[in-house]
C-alpha cells in the first residue's frame, strides 16, 4: 500500500506502507487506509516526529560509534541490515507539509 498525504496548503507527500505506518503510529494516528490530521493536532504531531527523529539520530550515532570501535568481525549481510535512510529524511516532507497546512489552517488527509 502507498500513503498519499494531501493538503490544499502543500504538494502531495507519498510514503510506502512501512514508513507510513510508522509515521502514523508516531503521531498517534490509527494505521488506517483513510484519515485526517486536523490543524489543531499538527503541533503535537510535529513535536512527536521531532522527538522520534532525535531518538533515531541518537541510536544511529551510538550504532556508528559501536561499528567504528569493532573490527570487521561482522559479515556483509548483517552490516547491510541497518536502514541507510534516516527517519529524519523520511519524515521531513510530511513535517514541512504539516507546517504549511497548520499556517493555512488546512487539514491533511490520506486515502480519500
PDB file of N, CA and C in Angstrom:
ATOM      1  N   UNK A   1       0.840  -1.175   0.000  1.00  0.00           N
ATOM      2  CA  UNK A   1       0.000   0.000   0.000  1.00  0.00           C
ATOM      3  C   UNK A   1       0.892   1.248   0.000  1.00  0.00           C
ATOM      4  N   UNK A   2       0.385   2.274  -0.594  1.00  0.00           N
ATOM      5  CA  UNK A   2       1.071   3.559  -0.631  1.00  0.00           C
ATOM      6  C   UNK A   2       0.191   4.586   0.068  1.00  0.00           C
ATOM      7  N   UNK A   3       0.795   5.393   0.930  1.00  0.00           N
ATOM      8  CA  UNK A   3       0.082   6.507   1.552  1.00  0.00           C
ATOM      9  C   UNK A   3       0.322   7.751   0.716  1.00  0.00           C
ATOM     10  N   UNK A   4      -0.750   8.462   0.395  1.00  0.00           N
ATOM     11  CA  UNK A   4      -0.642   9.730  -0.304  1.00  0.00           C
ATOM     12  C   UNK A   4      -1.289  10.789   0.582  1.00  0.00           C
ATOM     13  N   UNK A   5      -0.437  11.591   1.229  1.00  0.00           N
ATOM     14  CA  UNK A   5      -0.911  12.655   2.107  1.00  0.00           C
ATOM     15  C   UNK A   5      -1.196  13.878   1.251  1.00  0.00           C
ATOM     16  N   UNK A   6      -2.384  14.477   1.464  1.00  0.00           N
ATOM     17  CA  UNK A   6      -2.808  15.611   0.647  1.00  0.00           C
ATOM     18  C   UNK A   6      -3.238  16.775   1.532  1.00  0.00           C
ATOM     19  N   UNK A   7      -2.985  17.976   1.043  1.00  0.00           N
ATOM     20  CA  UNK A   7      -3.455  19.192   1.698  1.00  0.00           C
ATOM     21  C   UNK A   7      -3.536  20.288   0.651  1.00  0.00           C
ATOM     22  N   UNK A   8      -4.485  21.179   0.825  1.00  0.00           N
ATOM     23  CA  UNK A   8      -4.597  22.319  -0.079  1.00  0.00           C
ATOM     24  C   UNK A   8      -3.428  23.286   0.101  1.00  0.00           C
ATOM     25  N   UNK A   9      -2.713  23.166   1.211  1.00  0.00           N
ATOM     26  CA  UNK A   9      -1.630  24.095   1.533  1.00  0.00           C
ATOM     27  C   UNK A   9      -0.269  23.668   0.990  1.00  0.00           C
ATOM     28  N   UNK A  10      -0.166  22.442   0.467  1.00  0.00           N
ATOM     29  CA  UNK A  10       1.145  21.944   0.025  1.00  0.00           C
ATOM     30  C   UNK A  10       0.949  20.846  -1.012  1.00  0.00           C
ATOM     31  N   UNK A  11       2.037  20.510  -1.676  1.00  0.00           N
ATOM     32  CA  UNK A  11       2.018  19.395  -2.621  1.00  0.00           C
ATOM     33  C   UNK A  11       1.863  18.074  -1.886  1.00  0.00           C
ATOM     34  N   UNK A  12       1.481  17.042  -2.608  1.00  0.00           N
ATOM     35  CA  UNK A  12       1.271  15.730  -2.025  1.00  0.00           C
ATOM     36  C   UNK A  12       2.587  15.126  -1.527  1.00  0.00           C
ATOM     37  N   UNK A  13       2.477  14.321  -0.474  1.00  0.00           N
ATOM     38  CA  UNK A  13       3.611  13.569   0.062  1.00  0.00           C
ATOM     39  C   UNK A  13       3.235  12.094  -0.030  1.00  0.00           C
ATOM     40  N   UNK A  14       4.107  11.307  -0.642  1.00  0.00           N
ATOM     41  CA  UNK A  14       3.846   9.884  -0.830  1.00  0.00           C
ATOM     42  C   UNK A  14       4.833   9.078  -0.002  1.00  0.00           C
ATOM     43  N   UNK A  15       4.310   8.075   0.711  1.00  0.00           N
ATOM     44  CA  UNK A  15       5.149   7.176   1.513  1.00  0.00           C
ATOM     45  C   UNK A  15       4.722   5.744   1.262  1.00  0.00           C
ATOM     46  N   UNK A  16       5.677   4.842   1.271  1.00  0.00           N
ATOM     47  CA  UNK A  16       5.373   3.424   1.209  1.00  0.00           C
ATOM     48  C   UNK A  16       4.815   2.972   2.561  1.00  0.00           C
ATOM     49  N   UNK A  17       4.135   1.847   2.568  1.00  0.00           N
ATOM     50  CA  UNK A  17       3.420   1.396   3.753  1.00  0.00           C
ATOM     51  C   UNK A  17       4.266   1.291   5.019  1.00  0.00           C
ATOM     52  N   UNK A  18       5.442   0.688   4.992  1.00  0.00           N
ATOM     53  CA  UNK A  18       6.188   0.569   6.260  1.00  0.00           C
ATOM     54  C   UNK A  18       6.489   1.932   6.894  1.00  0.00           C
ATOM     55  N   UNK A  19       6.910   2.883   6.097  1.00  0.00           N
ATOM     56  CA  UNK A  19       7.211   4.218   6.622  1.00  0.00           C
ATOM     57  C   UNK A  19       5.936   4.928   7.039  1.00  0.00           C
ATOM     58  N   UNK A  20       4.902   4.855   6.208  1.00  0.00           N
ATOM     59  CA  UNK A  20       3.628   5.488   6.536  1.00  0.00           C
ATOM     60  C   UNK A  20       3.039   4.940   7.820  1.00  0.00           C
ATOM     61  N   UNK A  21       3.070   3.620   7.984  1.00  0.00           N
ATOM     62  CA  UNK A  21       2.561   3.002   9.214  1.00  0.00           C
ATOM     63  C   UNK A  21       3.331   3.513  10.434  1.00  0.00           C
ATOM     64  N   UNK A  22       4.651   3.567  10.300  1.00  0.00           N
ATOM     65  CA  UNK A  22       5.483   4.031  11.420  1.00  0.00           C
ATOM     66  C   UNK A  22       5.187   5.487  11.766  1.00  0.00           C
ATOM     67  N   UNK A  23       5.079   6.330  10.754  1.00  0.00           N
ATOM     68  CA  UNK A  23       4.822   7.751  10.981  1.00  0.00           C
ATOM     69  C   UNK A  23       3.456   7.949  11.631  1.00  0.00           C
ATOM     70  N   UNK A  24       2.450   7.271  11.135  1.00  0.00           N
ATOM     71  CA  UNK A  24       1.119   7.404  11.730  1.00  0.00           C
ATOM     72  C   UNK A  24       1.137   6.967  13.190  1.00  0.00           C
ATOM     73  N   UNK A  25       1.830   5.895  13.486  1.00  0.00           N
ATOM     74  CA  UNK A  25       1.940   5.447  14.870  1.00  0.00           C
ATOM     75  C   UNK A  25       2.653   6.468  15.743  1.00  0.00           C
ATOM     76  N   UNK A  26       3.693   7.075  15.211  1.00  0.00           N
ATOM     77  CA  UNK A  26       4.444   8.075  15.976  1.00  0.00           C
ATOM     78  C   UNK A  26       3.606   9.295  16.315  1.00  0.00           C
ATOM     79  N   UNK A  27       2.697   9.679  15.427  1.00  0.00           N
ATOM     80  CA  UNK A  27       1.890  10.875  15.685  1.00  0.00           C
ATOM     81  C   UNK A  27       0.561  10.541  16.369  1.00  0.00           C
ATOM     82  N   UNK A  28       0.394   9.273  16.730  1.00  0.00           N
ATOM     83  CA  UNK A  28      -0.791   8.890  17.485  1.00  0.00           C
ATOM     84  C   UNK A  28      -2.039   8.645  16.657  1.00  0.00           C
ATOM     85  N   UNK A  29      -1.858   8.418  15.373  1.00  0.00           N
ATOM     86  CA  UNK A  29      -2.994   8.137  14.494  1.00  0.00           C
ATOM     87  C   UNK A  29      -3.115   6.635  14.286  1.00  0.00           C
ATOM     88  N   UNK A  30      -4.346   6.182  14.098  1.00  0.00           N
ATOM     89  CA  UNK A  30      -4.563   4.776  13.769  1.00  0.00           C
ATOM     90  C   UNK A  30      -4.030   4.506  12.376  1.00  0.00           C
ATOM     91  N   UNK A  31      -3.459   3.336  12.200  1.00  0.00           N
ATOM     92  CA  UNK A  31      -2.955   2.928  10.889  1.00  0.00           C
ATOM     93  C   UNK A  31      -4.147   2.417  10.092  1.00  0.00           C
ATOM     94  N   UNK A  32      -4.722   3.312   9.311  1.00  0.00           N
ATOM     95  CA  UNK A  32      -5.911   3.004   8.519  1.00  0.00           C
ATOM     96  C   UNK A  32      -5.704   3.489   7.090  1.00  0.00           C
ATOM     97  N   UNK A  33      -6.467   2.946   6.139  1.00  0.00           N
ATOM     98  CA  UNK A  33      -6.311   3.378   4.751  1.00  0.00           C
ATOM     99  C   UNK A  33      -6.734   4.827   4.508  1.00  0.00           C
ATOM    100  N   UNK A  34      -7.575   5.375   5.397  1.00  0.00           N
ATOM    101  CA  UNK A  34      -8.017   6.757   5.250  1.00  0.00           C
ATOM    102  C   UNK A  34      -7.917   7.472   6.587  1.00  0.00           C
ATOM    103  N   UNK A  35      -7.652   8.760   6.533  1.00  0.00           N
ATOM    104  CA  UNK A  35      -7.598   9.514   7.775  1.00  0.00           C
ATOM    105  C   UNK A  35      -7.378  10.991   7.540  1.00  0.00           C
ATOM    106  N   UNK A  36      -7.332  11.710   8.665  1.00  0.00           N
ATOM    107  CA  UNK A  36      -7.165  13.164   8.611  1.00  0.00           C
ATOM    108  C   UNK A  36      -6.342  13.629   9.805  1.00  0.00           C
ATOM    109  N   UNK A  37      -5.533  14.622   9.555  1.00  0.00           N
ATOM    110  CA  UNK A  37      -4.811  15.317  10.621  1.00  0.00           C
ATOM    111  C   UNK A  37      -5.344  16.746  10.606  1.00  0.00           C
ATOM    112  N   UNK A  38      -6.021  17.102  11.664  1.00  0.00           N
ATOM    113  CA  UNK A  38      -6.599  18.451  11.769  1.00  0.00           C
ATOM    114  C   UNK A  38      -5.506  19.446  12.139  1.00  0.00           C
ATOM    115  N   UNK A  39      -5.659  20.716  11.747  1.00  0.00           N
ATOM    116  CA  UNK A  39      -4.642  21.725  12.083  1.00  0.00           C
ATOM    117  C   UNK A  39      -4.330  21.810  13.581  1.00  0.00           C
ATOM    118  N   UNK A  40      -5.330  21.617  14.422  1.00  0.00           N
ATOM    119  CA  UNK A  40      -5.111  21.678  15.872  1.00  0.00           C
ATOM    120  C   UNK A  40      -4.234  20.531  16.368  1.00  0.00           C
ATOM    121  N   UNK A  41      -4.175  19.424  15.627  1.00  0.00           N
ATOM    122  CA  UNK A  41      -3.373  18.269  16.014  1.00  0.00           C
ATOM    123  C   UNK A  41      -1.920  18.374  15.524  1.00  0.00           C
ATOM    124  N   UNK A  42      -1.664  19.287  14.619  1.00  0.00           N
ATOM    125  CA  UNK A  42      -0.355  19.344  13.970  1.00  0.00           C
ATOM    126  C   UNK A  42       0.808  19.720  14.880  1.00  0.00           C
ATOM    127  N   UNK A  43       0.659  20.680  15.814  1.00  0.00           N
ATOM    128  CA  UNK A  43       1.808  20.978  16.681  1.00  0.00           C
ATOM    129  C   UNK A  43       2.279  19.752  17.479  1.00  0.00           C
ATOM    130  N   UNK A  44       1.338  18.985  18.017  1.00  0.00           N
ATOM    131  CA  UNK A  44       1.702  17.778  18.772  1.00  0.00           C
ATOM    132  C   UNK A  44       2.317  16.734  17.843  1.00  0.00           C
ATOM    133  N   UNK A  45       1.800  16.623  16.626  1.00  0.00           N
ATOM    134  CA  UNK A  45       2.329  15.661  15.664  1.00  0.00           C
ATOM    135  C   UNK A  45       3.753  16.041  15.256  1.00  0.00           C
ATOM    136  N   UNK A  46       3.981  17.311  15.009  1.00  0.00           N
ATOM    137  CA  UNK A  46       5.317  17.785  14.638  1.00  0.00           C
ATOM    138  C   UNK A  46       6.296  17.520  15.781  1.00  0.00           C
ATOM    139  N   UNK A  47       5.871  17.785  17.018  1.00  0.00           N
ATOM    140  CA  UNK A  47       6.742  17.550  18.175  1.00  0.00           C
ATOM    141  C   UNK A  47       7.021  16.062  18.353  1.00  0.00           C
ATOM    142  N   UNK A  48       6.017  15.224  18.154  1.00  0.00           N
ATOM    143  CA  UNK A  48       6.213  13.773  18.275  1.00  0.00           C
ATOM    144  C   UNK A  48       7.227  13.282  17.243  1.00  0.00           C
ATOM    145  N   UNK A  49       7.126  13.803  16.030  1.00  0.00           N
ATOM    146  CA  UNK A  49       8.086  13.411  14.994  1.00  0.00           C
ATOM    147  C   UNK A  49       9.486  13.932  15.312  1.00  0.00           C
ATOM    148  N   UNK A  50       9.576  15.153  15.841  1.00  0.00           N
ATOM    149  CA  UNK A  50      10.874  15.715  16.221  1.00  0.00           C
ATOM    150  C   UNK A  50      11.519  14.870  17.324  1.00  0.00           C
ATOM    151  N   UNK A  51      10.719  14.431  18.295  1.00  0.00           N
ATOM    152  CA  UNK A  51      11.239  13.584  19.370  1.00  0.00           C
ATOM    153  C   UNK A  51      11.724  12.239  18.816  1.00  0.00           C
ATOM    154  N   UNK A  52      10.947  11.662  17.905  1.00  0.00           N
ATOM    155  CA  UNK A  52      11.327  10.377  17.302  1.00  0.00           C
ATOM    156  C   UNK A  52      12.593  10.518  16.464  1.00  0.00           C
ATOM    157  N   UNK A  53      12.718  11.626  15.765  1.00  0.00           N
ATOM    158  CA  UNK A  53      13.917  11.875  14.958  1.00  0.00           C
ATOM    159  C   UNK A  53      15.136  12.007  15.870  1.00  0.00           C
ATOM    160  N   UNK A  54      14.987  12.721  16.979  1.00  0.00           N
ATOM    161  CA  UNK A  54      16.101  12.878  17.917  1.00  0.00           C
ATOM    162  C   UNK A  54      16.530  11.520  18.474  1.00  0.00           C
ATOM    163  N   UNK A  55      15.563  10.674  18.815  1.00  0.00           N
ATOM    164  CA  UNK A  55      15.882   9.343  19.329  1.00  0.00           C
ATOM    165  C   UNK A  55      16.556   8.491  18.252  1.00  0.00           C
ATOM    166  N   UNK A  56      16.070   8.586  17.019  1.00  0.00           N
ATOM    167  CA  UNK A  56      16.660   7.832  15.917  1.00  0.00           C
ATOM    168  C   UNK A  56      18.086   8.310  15.634  1.00  0.00           C
ATOM    169  N   UNK A  57      18.290   9.626  15.653  1.00  0.00           N
ATOM    170  CA  UNK A  57      19.634  10.169  15.435  1.00  0.00           C
ATOM    171  C   UNK A  57      20.602   9.677  16.514  1.00  0.00           C
ATOM    172  N   UNK A  58      20.141   9.662  17.769  1.00  0.00           N
ATOM    173  CA  UNK A  58      20.995   9.204  18.870  1.00  0.00           C
ATOM    174  C   UNK A  58      21.324   7.718  18.705  1.00  0.00           C
ATOM    175  N   UNK A  59      20.343   6.921  18.325  1.00  0.00           N
ATOM    176  CA  UNK A  59      20.579   5.487  18.125  1.00  0.00           C
ATOM    177  C   UNK A  59      21.554   5.257  16.974  1.00  0.00           C
ATOM    178  N   UNK A  60      21.403   6.020  15.888  1.00  0.00           N
ATOM    179  CA  UNK A  60      22.318   5.897  14.759  1.00  0.00           C
ATOM    180  C   UNK A  60      23.740   6.280  15.170  1.00  0.00           C
ATOM    181  N   UNK A  61      23.849   7.315  15.978  1.00  0.00           N
ATOM    182  CA  UNK A  61      25.163   7.762  16.431  1.00  0.00           C
ATOM    183  C   UNK A  61      25.826   6.685  17.300  1.00  0.00           C
ATOM    184  N   UNK A  62      25.040   6.113  18.222  1.00  0.00           N
ATOM    185  CA  UNK A  62      25.578   5.036  19.069  1.00  0.00           C
ATOM    186  C   UNK A  62      25.977   3.835  18.223  1.00  0.00           C
ATOM    187  N   UNK A  63      25.135   3.494  17.247  1.00  0.00           N
ATOM    188  CA  UNK A  63      25.422   2.350  16.382  1.00  0.00           C
ATOM    189  C   UNK A  63      26.688   2.607  15.565  1.00  0.00           C
ATOM    190  N   UNK A  64      26.823   3.832  15.053  1.00  0.00           N
ATOM    191  CA  UNK A  64      28.013   4.172  14.266  1.00  0.00           C
ATOM    192  C   UNK A  64      29.264   4.109  15.139  1.00  0.00           C
ATOM    193  N   UNK A  65      29.188   4.595  16.368  1.00  0.00           N
ATOM    194  CA  UNK A  65      30.333   4.548  17.280  1.00  0.00           C
ATOM    195  C   UNK A  65      30.714   3.113  17.581  1.00  0.00           C
ATOM    196  N   UNK A  66      29.732   2.261  17.799  1.00  0.00           N
ATOM    197  CA  UNK A  66      30.000   0.854  18.077  1.00  0.00           C
ATOM    198  C   UNK A  66      30.600   0.145  16.887  1.00  0.00           C
ATOM    199  N   UNK A  67      30.161   0.493  15.697  1.00  0.00           N
ATOM    200  CA  UNK A  67      30.691  -0.137  14.487  1.00  0.00           C
ATOM    201  C   UNK A  67      32.126   0.294  14.231  1.00  0.00           C
ATOM    202  N   UNK A  68      32.440   1.549  14.521  1.00  0.00           N
ATOM    203  CA  UNK A  68      33.804   2.023  14.320  1.00  0.00           C
ATOM    204  C   UNK A  68      34.755   1.386  15.324  1.00  0.00           C
ATOM    205  N   UNK A  69      34.253   1.126  16.533  1.00  0.00           N
ATOM    206  CA  UNK A  69      35.104   0.559  17.579  1.00  0.00           C
ATOM    207  C   UNK A  69      35.408  -0.915  17.306  1.00  0.00           C
ATOM    208  N   UNK A  70      34.483  -1.607  16.635  1.00  0.00           N
ATOM    209  CA  UNK A  70      34.680  -3.027  16.320  1.00  0.00           C
ATOM    210  C   UNK A  70      35.596  -3.185  15.124  1.00  0.00           C
ATOM    211  N   UNK A  71      36.262  -4.282  15.096  1.00  0.00           N
ATOM    212  CA  UNK A  71      36.983  -4.644  13.879  1.00  0.00           C
ATOM    213  C   UNK A  71      35.963  -5.237  12.926  1.00  0.00           C
ATOM    214  N   UNK A  72      36.340  -5.575  11.737  1.00  0.00           N
ATOM    215  CA  UNK A  72      35.421  -6.072  10.715  1.00  0.00           C
ATOM    216  C   UNK A  72      35.024  -7.517  10.988  1.00  0.00           C
ATOM    217  N   UNK A  73      34.490  -7.791  12.149  1.00  0.00           N
ATOM    218  CA  UNK A  73      34.079  -9.138  12.527  1.00  0.00           C
ATOM    219  C   UNK A  73      32.648  -9.449  12.126  1.00  0.00           C
ATOM    220  N   UNK A  74      31.922  -8.488  11.596  1.00  0.00           N
ATOM    221  CA  UNK A  74      30.526  -8.659  11.215  1.00  0.00           C
ATOM    222  C   UNK A  74      30.458  -9.014   9.738  1.00  0.00           C
ATOM    223  N   UNK A  75      29.612  -9.976   9.384  1.00  0.00           N
ATOM    224  CA  UNK A  75      29.518 -10.345   7.964  1.00  0.00           C
ATOM    225  C   UNK A  75      28.777  -9.274   7.177  1.00  0.00           C
ATOM    226  N   UNK A  76      28.906  -9.317   5.858  1.00  0.00           N
ATOM    227  CA  UNK A  76      28.319  -8.294   4.996  1.00  0.00           C
ATOM    228  C   UNK A  76      26.811  -8.219   5.103  1.00  0.00           C
ATOM    229  N   UNK A  77      26.128  -9.332   5.274  1.00  0.00           N
ATOM    230  CA  UNK A  77      24.666  -9.331   5.371  1.00  0.00           C
ATOM    231  C   UNK A  77      24.213  -8.579   6.612  1.00  0.00           C
ATOM    232  N   UNK A  78      24.851  -8.811   7.737  1.00  0.00           N
ATOM    233  CA  UNK A  78      24.483  -8.119   8.969  1.00  0.00           C
ATOM    234  C   UNK A  78      24.862  -6.648   8.893  1.00  0.00           C
ATOM    235  N   UNK A  79      25.971  -6.343   8.264  1.00  0.00           N
ATOM    236  CA  UNK A  79      26.408  -4.947   8.154  1.00  0.00           C
ATOM    237  C   UNK A  79      25.428  -4.133   7.326  1.00  0.00           C
ATOM    238  N   UNK A  80      24.800  -4.728   6.341  1.00  0.00           N
ATOM    239  CA  UNK A  80      23.875  -4.005   5.492  1.00  0.00           C
ATOM    240  C   UNK A  80      22.447  -3.998   5.995  1.00  0.00           C
ATOM    241  N   UNK A  81      22.204  -4.562   7.186  1.00  0.00           N
ATOM    242  CA  UNK A  81      20.834  -4.672   7.679  1.00  0.00           C
ATOM    243  C   UNK A  81      20.287  -3.375   8.243  1.00  0.00           C
ATOM    244  N   UNK A  82      21.127  -2.403   8.544  1.00  0.00           N
ATOM    245  CA  UNK A  82      20.660  -1.128   9.077  1.00  0.00           C
ATOM    246  C   UNK A  82      20.133  -0.258   7.943  1.00  0.00           C
ATOM    247  N   UNK A  83      19.045   0.455   8.235  1.00  0.00           N
ATOM    248  CA  UNK A  83      18.423   1.315   7.248  1.00  0.00           C
ATOM    249  C   UNK A  83      19.365   2.468   6.899  1.00  0.00           C
ATOM    250  N   UNK A  84      19.626   2.645   5.628  1.00  0.00           N
ATOM    251  CA  UNK A  84      20.537   3.702   5.175  1.00  0.00           C
ATOM    252  C   UNK A  84      19.871   5.073   5.176  1.00  0.00           C
ATOM    253  N   UNK A  85      18.543   5.096   5.102  1.00  0.00           N
ATOM    254  CA  UNK A  85      17.809   6.355   5.079  1.00  0.00           C
ATOM    255  C   UNK A  85      17.290   6.615   6.488  1.00  0.00           C
ATOM    256  N   UNK A  86      17.652   7.755   7.040  1.00  0.00           N
ATOM    257  CA  UNK A  86      17.274   8.060   8.425  1.00  0.00           C
ATOM    258  C   UNK A  86      15.802   8.451   8.523  1.00  0.00           C
ATOM    259  N   UNK A  87      15.287   8.346   9.732  1.00  0.00           N
ATOM    260  CA  UNK A  87      13.912   8.789   9.982  1.00  0.00           C
ATOM    261  C   UNK A  87      13.786  10.280   9.668  1.00  0.00           C
ATOM    262  N   UNK A  88      14.819  11.038   9.981  1.00  0.00           N
ATOM    263  CA  UNK A  88      14.813  12.482   9.683  1.00  0.00           C
ATOM    264  C   UNK A  88      14.527  12.726   8.195  1.00  0.00           C
ATOM    265  N   UNK A  89      15.185  11.967   7.340  1.00  0.00           N
ATOM    266  CA  UNK A  89      14.999  12.128   5.896  1.00  0.00           C
ATOM    267  C   UNK A  89      13.601  11.678   5.464  1.00  0.00           C
ATOM    268  N   UNK A  90      13.092  10.646   6.102  1.00  0.00           N
ATOM    269  CA  UNK A  90      11.792  10.110   5.707  1.00  0.00           C
ATOM    270  C   UNK A  90      10.631  11.022   6.115  1.00  0.00           C
ATOM    271  N   UNK A  91      10.728  11.664   7.279  1.00  0.00           N
ATOM    272  CA  UNK A  91       9.592  12.460   7.762  1.00  0.00           C
ATOM    273  C   UNK A  91       9.657  13.933   7.366  1.00  0.00           C
ATOM    274  N   UNK A  92      10.808  14.405   6.901  1.00  0.00           N
ATOM    275  CA  UNK A  92      10.948  15.825   6.600  1.00  0.00           C
ATOM    276  C   UNK A  92       9.854  16.357   5.664  1.00  0.00           C
ATOM    277  N   UNK A  93       9.531  15.682   4.558  1.00  0.00           N
ATOM    278  CA  UNK A  93       8.480  16.230   3.681  1.00  0.00           C
ATOM    279  C   UNK A  93       7.128  16.356   4.383  1.00  0.00           C
ATOM    280  N   UNK A  94       6.782  15.390   5.224  1.00  0.00           N
ATOM    281  CA  UNK A  94       5.497  15.457   5.923  1.00  0.00           C
ATOM    282  C   UNK A  94       5.508  16.546   6.987  1.00  0.00           C
ATOM    283  N   UNK A  95       6.620  16.719   7.672  1.00  0.00           N
ATOM    284  CA  UNK A  95       6.720  17.789   8.669  1.00  0.00           C
ATOM    285  C   UNK A  95       6.565  19.151   7.988  1.00  0.00           C
ATOM    286  N   UNK A  96       7.223  19.326   6.851  1.00  0.00           N
ATOM    287  CA  UNK A  96       7.078  20.587   6.110  1.00  0.00           C
ATOM    288  C   UNK A  96       5.631  20.789   5.663  1.00  0.00           C
ATOM    289  N   UNK A  97       4.987  19.720   5.220  1.00  0.00           N
ATOM    290  CA  UNK A  97       3.580  19.808   4.833  1.00  0.00           C
ATOM    291  C   UNK A  97       2.731  20.224   6.034  1.00  0.00           C
ATOM    292  N   UNK A  98       2.997  19.631   7.195  1.00  0.00           N
ATOM    293  CA  UNK A  98       2.237  19.981   8.400  1.00  0.00           C
ATOM    294  C   UNK A  98       2.409  21.449   8.764  1.00  0.00           C
ATOM    295  N   UNK A  99       3.632  21.950   8.671  1.00  0.00           N
ATOM    296  CA  UNK A  99       3.879  23.358   8.991  1.00  0.00           C
ATOM    297  C   UNK A  99       3.082  24.271   8.063  1.00  0.00           C
ATOM    298  N   UNK A 100       3.091  23.963   6.780  1.00  0.00           N
ATOM    299  CA  UNK A 100       2.355  24.783   5.812  1.00  0.00           C
ATOM    300  C   UNK A 100       0.851  24.651   6.002  1.00  0.00           C
ATOM    301  N   UNK A 101       0.395  23.442   6.244  1.00  0.00           N
ATOM    302  CA  UNK A 101      -1.043  23.215   6.437  1.00  0.00           C
ATOM    303  C   UNK A 101      -1.529  23.900   7.711  1.00  0.00           C
ATOM    304  N   UNK A 102      -0.734  23.830   8.753  1.00  0.00           N
ATOM    305  CA  UNK A 102      -1.109  24.490  10.002  1.00  0.00           C
ATOM    306  C   UNK A 102      -1.191  26.003   9.804  1.00  0.00           C
ATOM    307  N   UNK A 103      -0.221  26.576   9.114  1.00  0.00           N
ATOM    308  CA  UNK A 103      -0.210  28.020   8.860  1.00  0.00           C
ATOM    309  C   UNK A 103      -1.423  28.443   8.039  1.00  0.00           C
ATOM    310  N   UNK A 104      -1.855  27.588   7.122  1.00  0.00           N
ATOM    311  CA  UNK A 104      -3.018  27.893   6.275  1.00  0.00           C
ATOM    312  C   UNK A 104      -4.329  27.404   6.890  1.00  0.00           C
ATOM    313  N   UNK A 105      -4.248  26.772   8.069  1.00  0.00           N
ATOM    314  CA  UNK A 105      -5.421  26.207   8.753  1.00  0.00           C
ATOM    315  C   UNK A 105      -6.165  25.209   7.859  1.00  0.00           C
ATOM    316  N   UNK A 106      -5.388  24.362   7.192  1.00  0.00           N
ATOM    317  CA  UNK A 106      -5.932  23.322   6.313  1.00  0.00           C
ATOM    318  C   UNK A 106      -5.583  21.946   6.869  1.00  0.00           C
ATOM    319  N   UNK A 107      -6.490  20.988   6.768  1.00  0.00           N
ATOM    320  CA  UNK A 107      -6.185  19.633   7.226  1.00  0.00           C
ATOM    321  C   UNK A 107      -5.302  18.890   6.250  1.00  0.00           C
ATOM    322  N   UNK A 108      -4.751  17.793   6.696  1.00  0.00           N
ATOM    323  CA  UNK A 108      -4.027  16.849   5.831  1.00  0.00           C
ATOM    324  C   UNK A 108      -4.827  15.559   5.836  1.00  0.00           C
ATOM    325  N   UNK A 109      -5.075  15.029   4.674  1.00  0.00           N
ATOM    326  CA  UNK A 109      -5.831  13.784   4.565  1.00  0.00           C
ATOM    327  C   UNK A 109      -4.999  12.741   3.823  1.00  0.00           C
ATOM    328  N   UNK A 110      -5.381  11.492   3.978  1.00  0.00           N
ATOM    329  CA  UNK A 110      -4.784  10.428   3.179  1.00  0.00           C
ATOM    330  C   UNK A 110      -5.876   9.412   2.861  1.00  0.00           C
ATOM    331  N   UNK A 111      -5.734   8.817   1.693  1.00  0.00           N
ATOM    332  CA  UNK A 111      -6.631   7.759   1.279  1.00  0.00           C
ATOM    333  C   UNK A 111      -8.014   8.194   0.857  1.00  0.00           C
ATOM    334  N   UNK A 112      -8.208   9.472   0.605  1.00  0.00           N
ATOM    335  CA  UNK A 112      -9.529   9.953   0.170  1.00  0.00           C
ATOM    336  C   UNK A 112      -9.442  10.587  -1.194  1.00  0.00           C
TER     337      UNK A 112
END
